[in-house]
C-alpha atoms as a PDB file:
ATOM      1  CA  MET A   1      26.962  26.691 -28.360  1.00  0.00           C
ATOM      2  CA  ASP A   2      27.997  23.102 -27.762  1.00  0.00           C
ATOM      3  CA  VAL A   3      28.764  21.847 -24.275  1.00  0.00           C
ATOM      4  CA  LEU A   4      30.659  18.698 -23.431  1.00  0.00           C
ATOM      5  CA  TYR A   5      30.129  16.891 -20.142  1.00  0.00           C
ATOM      6  CA  ILE A   6      32.494  14.141 -19.084  1.00  0.00           C
ATOM      7  CA  ALA A   7      30.630  11.207 -17.574  1.00  0.00           C
ATOM      8  CA  THR A   8      32.080   9.694 -14.439  1.00  0.00           C
ATOM      9  CA  ASN A   9      31.283   6.512 -12.538  1.00  0.00           C
ATOM     10  CA  ASP A  10      29.225   8.474 -10.003  1.00  0.00           C
ATOM     11  CA  ARG A  11      25.902   6.645  -9.801  1.00  0.00           C
ATOM     12  CA  PHE A  12      23.887   9.855  -9.393  1.00  0.00           C
ATOM     13  CA  GLN A  13      25.475  11.343 -12.490  1.00  0.00           C
ATOM     14  CA  GLN A  14      24.768   8.113 -14.360  1.00  0.00           C
ATOM     15  CA  TRP A  15      21.135   8.323 -13.213  1.00  0.00           C
ATOM     16  CA  ALA A  16      20.941  11.952 -14.367  1.00  0.00           C
ATOM     17  CA  LEU A  17      22.275  11.102 -17.825  1.00  0.00           C
ATOM     18  CA  ALA A  18      19.772   8.262 -18.156  1.00  0.00           C
ATOM     19  CA  SER A  19      16.952  10.522 -16.868  1.00  0.00           C
ATOM     20  CA  LYS A  20      17.641  13.590 -19.002  1.00  0.00           C
ATOM     21  CA  ARG A  21      14.561  15.372 -20.285  1.00  0.00           C
ATOM     22  CA  GLU A  22      13.833  16.649 -23.742  1.00  0.00           C
ATOM     23  CA  ILE A  23      12.171  20.022 -24.158  1.00  0.00           C
ATOM     24  CA  ASP A  24      11.200  21.909 -27.290  1.00  0.00           C
ATOM     25  CA  LEU A  25      12.634  25.389 -27.744  1.00  0.00           C
ATOM     26  CA  GLY A  26      10.967  26.819 -30.800  1.00  0.00           C
ATOM     27  CA  GLY A  27      11.213  23.606 -32.769  1.00  0.00           C
ATOM     28  CA  ILE A  28      14.665  22.693 -31.498  1.00  0.00           C
ATOM     29  CA  ALA A  29      14.950  19.645 -29.251  1.00  0.00           C
ATOM     30  CA  VAL A  30      17.103  20.354 -26.207  1.00  0.00           C
ATOM     31  CA  TRP A  31      18.109  17.850 -23.536  1.00  0.00           C
ATOM     32  CA  ILE A  32      18.186  19.118 -19.952  1.00  0.00           C
ATOM     33  CA  ALA A  33      19.281  17.603 -16.656  1.00  0.00           C
ATOM     34  CA  PRO A  34      16.585  16.425 -14.243  1.00  0.00           C
ATOM     35  CA  PRO A  35      15.770  18.988 -11.538  1.00  0.00           C
ATOM     36  CA  GLU A  36      16.950  16.664  -8.760  1.00  0.00           C
ATOM     37  CA  TYR A  37      20.439  16.630 -10.279  1.00  0.00           C
ATOM     38  CA  VAL A  38      20.440  20.405 -10.700  1.00  0.00           C
ATOM     39  CA  ILE A  39      19.386  20.892  -7.066  1.00  0.00           C
ATOM     40  CA  VAL A  40      22.126  18.638  -5.699  1.00  0.00           C
ATOM     41  CA  GLY A  41      24.659  20.365  -7.934  1.00  0.00           C
ATOM     42  CA  LYS A  42      23.605  23.779  -6.653  1.00  0.00           C
ATOM     43  CA  LEU A  43      23.901  22.528  -3.065  1.00  0.00           C
ATOM     44  CA  GLU A  44      27.482  21.497  -3.838  1.00  0.00           C
ATOM     45  CA  PHE A  45      28.197  24.860  -5.491  1.00  0.00           C
ATOM     46  CA  PHE A  46      26.880  26.613  -2.384  1.00  0.00           C
ATOM     47  CA  ARG A  47      29.172  24.520  -0.202  1.00  0.00           C
ATOM     48  CA  GLU A  48      32.137  25.504  -2.371  1.00  0.00           C
ATOM     49  CA  GLY A  49      31.412  29.208  -2.721  1.00  0.00           C
ATOM     50  CA  GLY A  50      28.679  30.202  -0.287  1.00  0.00           C
ATOM     51  CA  SER A  51      26.654  32.305  -2.720  1.00  0.00           C
ATOM     52  CA  GLU A  52      23.033  32.705  -1.607  1.00  0.00           C
ATOM     53  CA  LYS A  53      22.123  32.709  -5.303  1.00  0.00           C
ATOM     54  CA  TYR A  54      22.269  28.912  -5.318  1.00  0.00           C
ATOM     55  CA  LEU A  55      19.840  28.646  -2.413  1.00  0.00           C
ATOM     56  CA  ARG A  56      17.437  31.080  -4.116  1.00  0.00           C
ATOM     57  CA  ASP A  57      17.693  29.030  -7.315  1.00  0.00           C
ATOM     58  CA  ILE A  58      16.873  25.839  -5.415  1.00  0.00           C
ATOM     59  CA  ARG A  59      13.893  27.429  -3.668  1.00  0.00           C
ATOM     60  CA  GLY A  60      12.641  28.608  -7.055  1.00  0.00           C
ATOM     61  CA  ILE A  61      12.960  25.140  -8.565  1.00  0.00           C
ATOM     62  CA  LEU A  62      11.130  23.594  -5.606  1.00  0.00           C
ATOM     63  CA  ALA A  63       8.332  26.172  -5.878  1.00  0.00           C
ATOM     64  CA  ILE A  64       7.466  25.378  -9.497  1.00  0.00           C
ATOM     65  CA  THR A  65       8.739  21.866 -10.215  1.00  0.00           C
ATOM     66  CA  GLU A  66       7.676  18.481  -8.959  1.00  0.00           C
ATOM     67  CA  VAL A  67      10.781  16.636  -7.772  1.00  0.00           C
ATOM     68  CA  ASP A  68      11.621  13.284  -6.219  1.00  0.00           C
ATOM     69  CA  ARG A  69      12.425  14.517  -2.722  1.00  0.00           C
ATOM     70  CA  ALA A  70      13.384  11.031  -1.534  1.00  0.00           C
ATOM     71  CA  LEU A  71      16.076  10.871  -4.206  1.00  0.00           C
ATOM     72  CA  ILE A  72      17.334  14.326  -3.264  1.00  0.00           C
ATOM     73  CA  GLU A  73      17.376  13.385   0.436  1.00  0.00           C
ATOM     74  CA  GLN A  74      19.409  10.268  -0.340  1.00  0.00           C
ATOM     75  CA  GLU A  75      22.014  12.251  -2.294  1.00  0.00           C
ATOM     76  CA  VAL A  76      22.066  15.026   0.303  1.00  0.00           C
ATOM     77  CA  ASP A  77      22.975  12.506   2.990  1.00  0.00           C
ATOM     78  CA  ARG A  78      25.470  10.675   0.785  1.00  0.00           C
ATOM     79  CA  ARG A  79      27.274  13.910  -0.056  1.00  0.00           C
ATOM     80  CA  GLY A  80      27.145  15.517   3.394  1.00  0.00           C
ATOM     81  CA  LEU A  81      24.846  18.341   2.303  1.00  0.00           C
ATOM     82  CA  ARG A  82      22.123  18.001   4.960  1.00  0.00           C
ATOM     83  CA  GLU A  83      22.797  21.332   6.702  1.00  0.00           C
ATOM     84  CA  ILE A  84      22.719  23.255   3.434  1.00  0.00           C
ATOM     85  CA  TRP A  85      19.596  21.410   2.221  1.00  0.00           C
ATOM     86  CA  GLU A  86      17.792  22.409   5.410  1.00  0.00           C
ATOM     87  CA  LYS A  87      18.531  26.073   4.604  1.00  0.00           C
ATOM     88  CA  CYS A  88      16.624  25.662   1.337  1.00  0.00           C
ATOM     89  CA  ARG A  89      13.570  24.447   3.158  1.00  0.00           C
ATOM     90  CA  GLU A  90      13.343  27.402   5.572  1.00  0.00           C
END
């Protein structure tokens, strides 16, 4: 399955595209978004829909993945997601 993402001028999205990570899935190279970008995206999805699934996903990512928390904090503040981010850290 092919997926097309439209790049915008958002600096965080530009950072994410430049910071994509390559993983090997059974001999197939796959590019994935950095976890910081995924976390911020899930915070935004939670704000839009309120599903606790997004908060559980974020907690799971934080439990097993090293992330740049300073970068996340910066984007959280820039996007007005502080209250939701604090819920993930409970």
